[in-house]
Amino acid sequence: MIAASFVAVGTAESGTPKQSPVNVTPGAIRLDPHAPKLDVTYGSSALELKYIRKDAADPNGCATRNHEETEEAEVQPGAGHVTVAGTRYDLVQFHFHTPSEHQFGGRNTPLEMHLVHRSAEGKLLVVGVPLVVGSHSVVDDVLAKLSPECGEPVEIEPIDLNRLLPASHDTLHYTGSLTTAPFTEGVEWYLTCEQHVSAATIARFKGMFTAGNARATQPLNGRTIVEVPRI
């Protein structure tokens, strides 16, 4: 999911050929040694974790979970950015889905984190991080206390944003869309290797979104997924 206030360049129709998320299969991946690198420049930032509502008009909305709702951490301006082929995309927020929206070989991970970046021209780039049960990570600190729907945001002490990403620099790239309405296309997706999070954190998030908050995978429709280096 990406908040409606972020509009990517492209069409806005669900069901068009380049939709997200997708199922990543070995046969769809190719290595391009000339593909531009994903240059990550992250610092530290305090965060504000808030519940993103999609049912404000529903009188029972505060007690109902909409599948397009999520917990979103707002990042301080200028705290981080990525650069691809000379274009800078500033990190604006990151949020979570259960189960993962992207599949790998037809399988989901328990959670997926989306780090949303925006260029000066309004184009979007999202770094998707699959989250699996493992040792404690900074993601546990971010999701230690969830913001209630219709409640106050949770203020989080500064974290090193680099620690949100896995140690491995293997990254896959494809062009897709928003995963919530209006499903706007033209979003650059970069999928990383798995990052660890504790079982308790996964259970806490799943306890909030018992029916899940992930969109089903969409057809690749001839798209290839490119393995690219990350700095």
C-alpha atoms as a PDB file:
ATOM      1  CA  MET A   1       0.000   0.000   0.000  1.00  0.00           C
ATOM      2  CA  ILE A   2       1.057   3.582  -0.669  1.00  0.00           C
ATOM      3  CA  ALA A   3      -0.872   6.521   0.680  1.00  0.00           C
ATOM      4  CA  ALA A   4      -3.214   8.192  -1.768  1.00  0.00           C
ATOM      5  CA  SER A   5      -1.348  11.482  -1.392  1.00  0.00           C
ATOM      6  CA  PHE A   6       1.562  10.007  -3.332  1.00  0.00           C
ATOM      7  CA  VAL A   7       0.683   9.966  -7.007  1.00  0.00           C
ATOM      8  CA  ALA A   8       2.978   8.239  -9.466  1.00  0.00           C
ATOM      9  CA  VAL A   9       3.221   9.079 -13.124  1.00  0.00           C
ATOM     10  CA  GLY A  10       1.205   6.602 -15.200  1.00  0.00           C
ATOM     11  CA  THR A  11      -2.250   5.169 -15.599  1.00  0.00           C
ATOM     12  CA  ALA A  12      -4.669   4.660 -12.737  1.00  0.00           C
ATOM     13  CA  GLU A  13      -6.622   1.590 -13.784  1.00  0.00           C
ATOM     14  CA  SER A  14      -6.710  -1.699 -11.918  1.00  0.00           C
ATOM     15  CA  GLY A  15      -6.011  -4.643 -14.198  1.00  0.00           C
ATOM     16  CA  THR A  16      -3.607  -2.880 -16.560  1.00  0.00           C
ATOM     17  CA  PRO A  17      -0.553  -4.909 -17.619  1.00  0.00           C
ATOM     18  CA  LYS A  18       2.043  -3.666 -15.113  1.00  0.00           C
ATOM     19  CA  GLN A  19       0.451  -4.174 -11.715  1.00  0.00           C
ATOM     20  CA  SER A  20       1.929  -5.045  -8.312  1.00  0.00           C
ATOM     21  CA  PRO A  21       2.611  -7.173  -6.363  1.00  0.00           C
ATOM     22  CA  VAL A  22       3.970 -10.118  -8.358  1.00  0.00           C
ATOM     23  CA  ASN A  23       5.162 -13.657  -7.792  1.00  0.00           C
ATOM     24  CA  VAL A  24       8.928 -13.746  -8.319  1.00  0.00           C
ATOM     25  CA  THR A  25       9.963 -16.970 -10.057  1.00  0.00           C
ATOM     26  CA  PRO A  26      13.476 -17.996 -11.163  1.00  0.00           C
ATOM     27  CA  GLY A  27      12.421 -18.027 -14.813  1.00  0.00           C
ATOM     28  CA  ALA A  28      11.391 -14.377 -14.674  1.00  0.00           C
ATOM     29  CA  ILE A  29      14.747 -13.141 -13.341  1.00  0.00           C
ATOM     30  CA  ARG A  30      17.602 -12.016 -15.564  1.00  0.00           C
ATOM     31  CA  LEU A  31      20.978 -10.534 -14.729  1.00  0.00           C
ATOM     32  CA  ASP A  32      21.830  -7.222 -16.369  1.00  0.00           C
ATOM     33  CA  PRO A  33      25.401  -6.105 -15.570  1.00  0.00           C
ATOM     34  CA  HIS A  34      24.613  -2.707 -17.061  1.00  0.00           C
ATOM     35  CA  ALA A  35      21.526  -2.057 -14.931  1.00  0.00           C
ATOM     36  CA  PRO A  36      21.889   1.123 -12.849  1.00  0.00           C
ATOM     37  CA  LYS A  37      22.773   0.535  -9.218  1.00  0.00           C
ATOM     38  CA  LEU A  38      20.455   1.336  -6.335  1.00  0.00           C
ATOM     39  CA  ASP A  39      22.537   3.761  -4.268  1.00  0.00           C
ATOM     40  CA  VAL A  40      21.170   3.947  -0.712  1.00  0.00           C
ATOM     41  CA  THR A  41      21.993   6.947   1.493  1.00  0.00           C
ATOM     42  CA  TYR A  42      20.230   6.633   4.833  1.00  0.00           C
ATOM     43  CA  GLY A  43      20.830   8.424   8.123  1.00  0.00           C
ATOM     44  CA  SER A  44      18.942   8.392  11.403  1.00  0.00           C
ATOM     45  CA  SER A  45      15.420   9.636  12.034  1.00  0.00           C
ATOM     46  CA  ALA A  46      12.813   9.842  14.741  1.00  0.00           C
ATOM     47  CA  LEU A  47       9.565   8.254  13.587  1.00  0.00           C
ATOM     48  CA  GLU A  48       5.854   8.758  14.036  1.00  0.00           C
ATOM     49  CA  LEU A  49       3.965   5.478  13.714  1.00  0.00           C
ATOM     50  CA  LYS A  50       0.327   6.005  12.823  1.00  0.00           C
ATOM     51  CA  TYR A  51      -2.616   3.906  11.737  1.00  0.00           C
ATOM     52  CA  ILE A  52      -3.687   4.630   8.156  1.00  0.00           C
ATOM     53  CA  ARG A  53      -7.475   4.470   7.881  1.00  0.00           C
ATOM     54  CA  LYS A  54      -9.486   3.758   4.728  1.00  0.00           C
ATOM     55  CA  ASP A  55     -12.946   3.637   6.307  1.00  0.00           C
ATOM     56  CA  ALA A  56     -13.326   7.030   7.969  1.00  0.00           C
ATOM     57  CA  ALA A  57     -16.905   7.325   6.679  1.00  0.00           C
ATOM     58  CA  ASP A  58     -17.921   4.055   8.335  1.00  0.00           C
ATOM     59  CA  PRO A  59     -19.472   4.646  11.795  1.00  0.00           C
ATOM     60  CA  ASN A  60     -17.992   1.307  12.878  1.00  0.00           C
ATOM     61  CA  GLY A  61     -14.679   1.968  11.163  1.00  0.00           C
ATOM     62  CA  CYS A  62     -12.673   2.308  14.359  1.00  0.00           C
ATOM     63  CA  ALA A  63     -13.409  -1.325  15.181  1.00  0.00           C
ATOM     64  CA  THR A  64     -13.191  -2.683  11.638  1.00  0.00           C
ATOM     65  CA  ARG A  65      -9.999  -3.524   9.760  1.00  0.00           C
ATOM     66  CA  ASN A  66      -9.970  -2.581   6.090  1.00  0.00           C
ATOM     67  CA  HIS A  67      -7.591  -4.660   3.945  1.00  0.00           C
ATOM     68  CA  GLU A  68      -5.993  -1.461   2.598  1.00  0.00           C
ATOM     69  CA  GLU A  69      -5.202  -0.096   6.064  1.00  0.00           C
ATOM     70  CA  THR A  70      -1.803  -0.382   7.701  1.00  0.00           C
ATOM     71  CA  GLU A  71       0.665   0.928  10.262  1.00  0.00           C
ATOM     72  CA  GLU A  72       2.858   3.622   8.698  1.00  0.00           C
ATOM     73  CA  ALA A  73       6.052   5.186  10.036  1.00  0.00           C
ATOM     74  CA  GLU A  74       6.656   8.757   8.886  1.00  0.00           C
ATOM     75  CA  VAL A  75      10.315   9.669   8.399  1.00  0.00           C
ATOM     76  CA  GLN A  76      11.785  13.102   9.068  1.00  0.00           C
ATOM     77  CA  PRO A  77      12.445  15.102   5.869  1.00  0.00           C
ATOM     78  CA  GLY A  78      15.942  14.626   4.498  1.00  0.00           C
ATOM     79  CA  ALA A  79      16.724  11.611   6.686  1.00  0.00           C
ATOM     80  CA  GLY A  80      17.296   9.264   3.774  1.00  0.00           C
ATOM     81  CA  HIS A  81      17.205   8.863   0.024  1.00  0.00           C
ATOM     82  CA  VAL A  82      18.143   6.512  -2.787  1.00  0.00           C
ATOM     83  CA  THR A  83      19.613   7.378  -6.167  1.00  0.00           C
ATOM     84  CA  VAL A  84      19.138   5.460  -9.419  1.00  0.00           C
ATOM     85  CA  ALA A  85      20.662   6.610 -12.721  1.00  0.00           C
ATOM     86  CA  GLY A  86      21.125  10.120 -11.361  1.00  0.00           C
ATOM     87  CA  THR A  87      17.575  10.521 -10.051  1.00  0.00           C
ATOM     88  CA  ARG A  88      17.154  11.068  -6.326  1.00  0.00           C
ATOM     89  CA  TYR A  89      14.169   9.637  -4.467  1.00  0.00           C
ATOM     90  CA  ASP A  90      13.632  10.807  -0.880  1.00  0.00           C
ATOM     91  CA  LEU A  91      12.396   8.382   1.764  1.00  0.00           C
ATOM     92  CA  VAL A  92       9.002   9.575   2.980  1.00  0.00           C
ATOM     93  CA  GLN A  93       7.507   6.704   4.956  1.00  0.00           C
ATOM     94  CA  PHE A  94       7.489   2.964   5.384  1.00  0.00           C
ATOM     95  CA  HIS A  95       4.625   0.627   6.197  1.00  0.00           C
ATOM     96  CA  PHE A  96       3.786  -3.062   6.549  1.00  0.00           C
ATOM     97  CA  HIS A  97       1.627  -5.823   5.073  1.00  0.00           C
ATOM     98  CA  THR A  98       0.666  -9.282   6.284  1.00  0.00           C
ATOM     99  CA  PRO A  99       1.225 -11.663   4.672  1.00  0.00           C
ATOM    100  CA  SER A 100       3.841 -10.350   2.262  1.00  0.00           C
ATOM    101  CA  GLU A 101       2.380  -8.872  -0.897  1.00  0.00           C
ATOM    102  CA  HIS A 102       5.167 -10.198  -3.108  1.00  0.00           C
ATOM    103  CA  GLN A 103       5.656 -13.926  -3.368  1.00  0.00           C
ATOM    104  CA  PHE A 104       8.898 -15.760  -4.014  1.00  0.00           C
ATOM    105  CA  GLY A 105       8.384 -19.052  -5.802  1.00  0.00           C
ATOM    106  CA  GLY A 106       4.717 -18.917  -4.893  1.00  0.00           C
ATOM    107  CA  ARG A 107       5.369 -18.473  -1.189  1.00  0.00           C
ATOM    108  CA  ASN A 108       4.652 -15.551   1.112  1.00  0.00           C
ATOM    109  CA  THR A 109       6.666 -14.384   4.093  1.00  0.00           C
ATOM    110  CA  PRO A 110       4.801 -13.410   7.294  1.00  0.00           C
ATOM    111  CA  LEU A 111       5.308  -9.665   6.786  1.00  0.00           C
ATOM    112  CA  GLU A 112       6.582  -7.275   4.130  1.00  0.00           C
ATOM    113  CA  MET A 113       7.897  -3.767   4.683  1.00  0.00           C
ATOM    114  CA  HIS A 114       7.576  -1.094   1.988  1.00  0.00           C
ATOM    115  CA  LEU A 115       9.954   1.871   2.107  1.00  0.00           C
ATOM    116  CA  VAL A 116       8.345   4.551  -0.037  1.00  0.00           C
ATOM    117  CA  HIS A 117      10.537   7.114  -1.827  1.00  0.00           C
ATOM    118  CA  ARG A 118       9.485  10.040  -3.996  1.00  0.00           C
ATOM    119  CA  SER A 119      11.467  12.085  -6.538  1.00  0.00           C
ATOM    120  CA  ALA A 120      11.203  15.841  -7.014  1.00  0.00           C
ATOM    121  CA  GLU A 121       9.056  15.110 -10.087  1.00  0.00           C
ATOM    122  CA  GLY A 122       6.644  12.993  -8.039  1.00  0.00           C
ATOM    123  CA  LYS A 123       7.773   9.583  -9.274  1.00  0.00           C
ATOM    124  CA  LEU A 124       7.715   6.739  -6.776  1.00  0.00           C
ATOM    125  CA  LEU A 125      10.287   4.108  -5.906  1.00  0.00           C
ATOM    126  CA  VAL A 126       9.499   1.458  -3.309  1.00  0.00           C
ATOM    127  CA  VAL A 127      11.978  -0.849  -1.617  1.00  0.00           C
ATOM    128  CA  GLY A 128      10.183  -4.029  -0.562  1.00  0.00           C
ATOM    129  CA  VAL A 129      11.709  -6.019   2.286  1.00  0.00           C
ATOM    130  CA  PRO A 130      10.331  -9.505   3.097  1.00  0.00           C
ATOM    131  CA  LEU A 131      10.303 -10.102   6.859  1.00  0.00           C
ATOM    132  CA  VAL A 132      10.791 -13.540   8.399  1.00  0.00           C
ATOM    133  CA  VAL A 133      11.052 -14.924  11.928  1.00  0.00           C
ATOM    134  CA  GLY A 134      14.542 -14.554  13.312  1.00  0.00           C
ATOM    135  CA  SER A 135      16.696 -12.553  15.673  1.00  0.00           C
ATOM    136  CA  HIS A 136      15.735  -9.140  17.005  1.00  0.00           C
ATOM    137  CA  SER A 137      16.066  -6.266  14.520  1.00  0.00           C
ATOM    138  CA  VAL A 138      15.266  -2.572  14.435  1.00  0.00           C
ATOM    139  CA  VAL A 139      11.896  -3.491  12.896  1.00  0.00           C
ATOM    140  CA  ASP A 140      10.973  -4.911  16.305  1.00  0.00           C
ATOM    141  CA  ASP A 141      11.678  -1.507  17.833  1.00  0.00           C
ATOM    142  CA  VAL A 142       9.459   0.214  15.270  1.00  0.00           C
ATOM    143  CA  LEU A 143       6.540  -2.163  15.834  1.00  0.00           C
ATOM    144  CA  ALA A 144       6.985  -2.576  19.596  1.00  0.00           C
ATOM    145  CA  LYS A 145       3.790  -0.599  20.178  1.00  0.00           C
ATOM    146  CA  LEU A 146       1.194  -0.309  17.417  1.00  0.00           C
ATOM    147  CA  SER A 147      -0.840   2.835  16.894  1.00  0.00           C
ATOM    148  CA  PRO A 148      -4.543   2.078  17.473  1.00  0.00           C
ATOM    149  CA  GLU A 149      -7.081   2.878  14.794  1.00  0.00           C
ATOM    150  CA  CYS A 150      -8.689   6.205  15.765  1.00  0.00           C
ATOM    151  CA  GLY A 151      -5.972   6.615  18.399  1.00  0.00           C
ATOM    152  CA  GLU A 152      -2.864   8.724  18.865  1.00  0.00           C
ATOM    153  CA  PRO A 153       0.306   8.094  16.843  1.00  0.00           C
ATOM    154  CA  VAL A 154       3.266   6.459  18.556  1.00  0.00           C
ATOM    155  CA  GLU A 155       6.426   8.564  18.813  1.00  0.00           C
ATOM    156  CA  ILE A 156       9.584   6.518  18.256  1.00  0.00           C
ATOM    157  CA  GLU A 157      13.099   7.542  19.238  1.00  0.00           C
ATOM    158  CA  PRO A 158      15.597   8.011  16.374  1.00  0.00           C
ATOM    159  CA  ILE A 159      16.720   4.842  14.618  1.00  0.00           C
ATOM    160  CA  ASP A 160      19.462   4.127  12.096  1.00  0.00           C
ATOM    161  CA  LEU A 161      17.451   3.723   8.896  1.00  0.00           C
ATOM    162  CA  ASN A 162      20.201   1.584   7.360  1.00  0.00           C
ATOM    163  CA  ARG A 163      19.333  -1.143   9.856  1.00  0.00           C
ATOM    164  CA  LEU A 164      15.921  -1.557   8.235  1.00  0.00           C
ATOM    165  CA  LEU A 165      17.642  -3.201   5.265  1.00  0.00           C
ATOM    166  CA  PRO A 166      19.175  -6.694   5.233  1.00  0.00           C
ATOM    167  CA  ALA A 167      22.931  -7.149   5.208  1.00  0.00           C
ATOM    168  CA  SER A 168      22.846  -8.787   1.780  1.00  0.00           C
ATOM    169  CA  HIS A 169      22.894  -6.367  -1.132  1.00  0.00           C
ATOM    170  CA  ASP A 170      21.140  -8.685  -3.595  1.00  0.00           C
ATOM    171  CA  THR A 171      18.245  -6.724  -5.100  1.00  0.00           C
ATOM    172  CA  LEU A 172      15.596  -7.380  -7.760  1.00  0.00           C
ATOM    173  CA  HIS A 173      13.985  -4.629  -9.835  1.00  0.00           C
ATOM    174  CA  TYR A 174      10.804  -4.406 -11.865  1.00  0.00           C
ATOM    175  CA  THR A 175       8.300  -1.704 -12.803  1.00  0.00           C
ATOM    176  CA  GLY A 176       4.820  -2.024 -11.342  1.00  0.00           C
ATOM    177  CA  SER A 177       2.109  -0.112  -9.544  1.00  0.00           C
ATOM    178  CA  LEU A 178       0.594   0.971  -6.284  1.00  0.00           C
ATOM    179  CA  THR A 179      -0.927  -1.985  -4.454  1.00  0.00           C
ATOM    180  CA  THR A 180      -4.009  -0.065  -3.311  1.00  0.00           C
ATOM    181  CA  ALA A 181      -6.538   2.011  -5.240  1.00  0.00           C
ATOM    182  CA  PRO A 182      -6.113   3.688  -7.664  1.00  0.00           C
ATOM    183  CA  PHE A 183      -3.381   1.114  -8.546  1.00  0.00           C
ATOM    184  CA  THR A 184      -1.402   3.760 -10.419  1.00  0.00           C
ATOM    185  CA  GLU A 185       1.401   2.358 -12.568  1.00  0.00           C
ATOM    186  CA  GLY A 186       4.920   3.642 -13.132  1.00  0.00           C
ATOM    187  CA  VAL A 187       6.228   2.680  -9.681  1.00  0.00           C
ATOM    188  CA  GLU A 188       9.813   1.385  -9.564  1.00  0.00           C
ATOM    189  CA  TRP A 189      10.043  -1.619  -7.255  1.00  0.00           C
ATOM    190  CA  TYR A 190      13.249  -2.933  -5.672  1.00  0.00           C
ATOM    191  CA  LEU A 191      12.937  -6.174  -3.708  1.00  0.00           C
ATOM    192  CA  THR A 192      15.637  -7.092  -1.197  1.00  0.00           C
ATOM    193  CA  CYS A 193      16.604 -10.289   0.570  1.00  0.00           C
ATOM    194  CA  GLU A 194      14.878 -11.280   3.800  1.00  0.00           C
ATOM    195  CA  GLN A 195      15.220  -9.256   6.993  1.00  0.00           C
ATOM    196  CA  HIS A 196      14.671 -10.744  10.449  1.00  0.00           C
ATOM    197  CA  VAL A 197      11.949  -9.829  12.929  1.00  0.00           C
ATOM    198  CA  SER A 198      10.869 -11.574  16.115  1.00  0.00           C
ATOM    199  CA  ALA A 199       7.937 -13.977  16.264  1.00  0.00           C
ATOM    200  CA  ALA A 200       6.345 -11.731  18.899  1.00  0.00           C
ATOM    201  CA  THR A 201       6.341  -8.742  16.546  1.00  0.00           C
ATOM    202  CA  ILE A 202       4.817 -10.782  13.736  1.00  0.00           C
ATOM    203  CA  ALA A 203       2.112 -12.028  16.101  1.00  0.00           C
ATOM    204  CA  ARG A 204       1.430  -8.475  17.298  1.00  0.00           C
ATOM    205  CA  PHE A 205       0.940  -7.164  13.768  1.00  0.00           C
ATOM    206  CA  LYS A 206      -1.140 -10.153  12.690  1.00  0.00           C
ATOM    207  CA  GLY A 207      -3.248  -9.631  15.802  1.00  0.00           C
ATOM    208  CA  MET A 208      -4.107  -6.160  14.543  1.00  0.00           C
ATOM    209  CA  PHE A 209      -4.848  -7.286  10.968  1.00  0.00           C
ATOM    210  CA  THR A 210      -6.369 -10.710  11.536  1.00  0.00           C
ATOM    211  CA  ALA A 211      -7.734 -10.974   7.986  1.00  0.00           C
ATOM    212  CA  GLY A 212      -4.531  -9.635   6.445  1.00  0.00           C
ATOM    213  CA  ASN A 213      -3.869  -6.395   4.583  1.00  0.00           C
ATOM    214  CA  ALA A 214      -2.156  -7.591   1.404  1.00  0.00           C
ATOM    215  CA  ARG A 215      -3.200  -7.417  -2.231  1.00  0.00           C
ATOM    216  CA  ALA A 216      -3.132 -10.632  -4.260  1.00  0.00           C
ATOM    217  CA  THR A 217      -0.304 -11.108  -6.746  1.00  0.00           C
ATOM    218  CA  GLN A 218      -0.839  -9.828 -10.277  1.00  0.00           C
ATOM    219  CA  PRO A 219       0.279 -11.320 -13.627  1.00  0.00           C
ATOM    220  CA  LEU A 220       3.733 -10.363 -14.864  1.00  0.00           C
ATOM    221  CA  ASN A 221       2.337 -10.049 -18.390  1.00  0.00           C
ATOM    222  CA  GLY A 222       5.728 -10.504 -20.013  1.00  0.00           C
ATOM    223  CA  ARG A 223       7.722  -8.360 -17.614  1.00  0.00           C
ATOM    224  CA  THR A 224      11.156  -9.514 -16.527  1.00  0.00           C
ATOM    225  CA  ILE A 225      12.668  -8.985 -13.105  1.00  0.00           C
ATOM    226  CA  VAL A 226      16.233  -7.706 -13.184  1.00  0.00           C
ATOM    227  CA  GLU A 227      18.889  -8.570 -10.629  1.00  0.00           C
ATOM    228  CA  VAL A 228      20.733  -5.342  -9.864  1.00  0.00           C
ATOM    229  CA  PRO A 229      23.509  -4.345  -7.465  1.00  0.00           C
ATOM    230  CA  ARG A 230      22.821  -2.185  -4.422  1.00  0.00           C
ATOM    231  CA  ILE A 231      25.501   0.033  -2.911  1.00  0.00           C
END
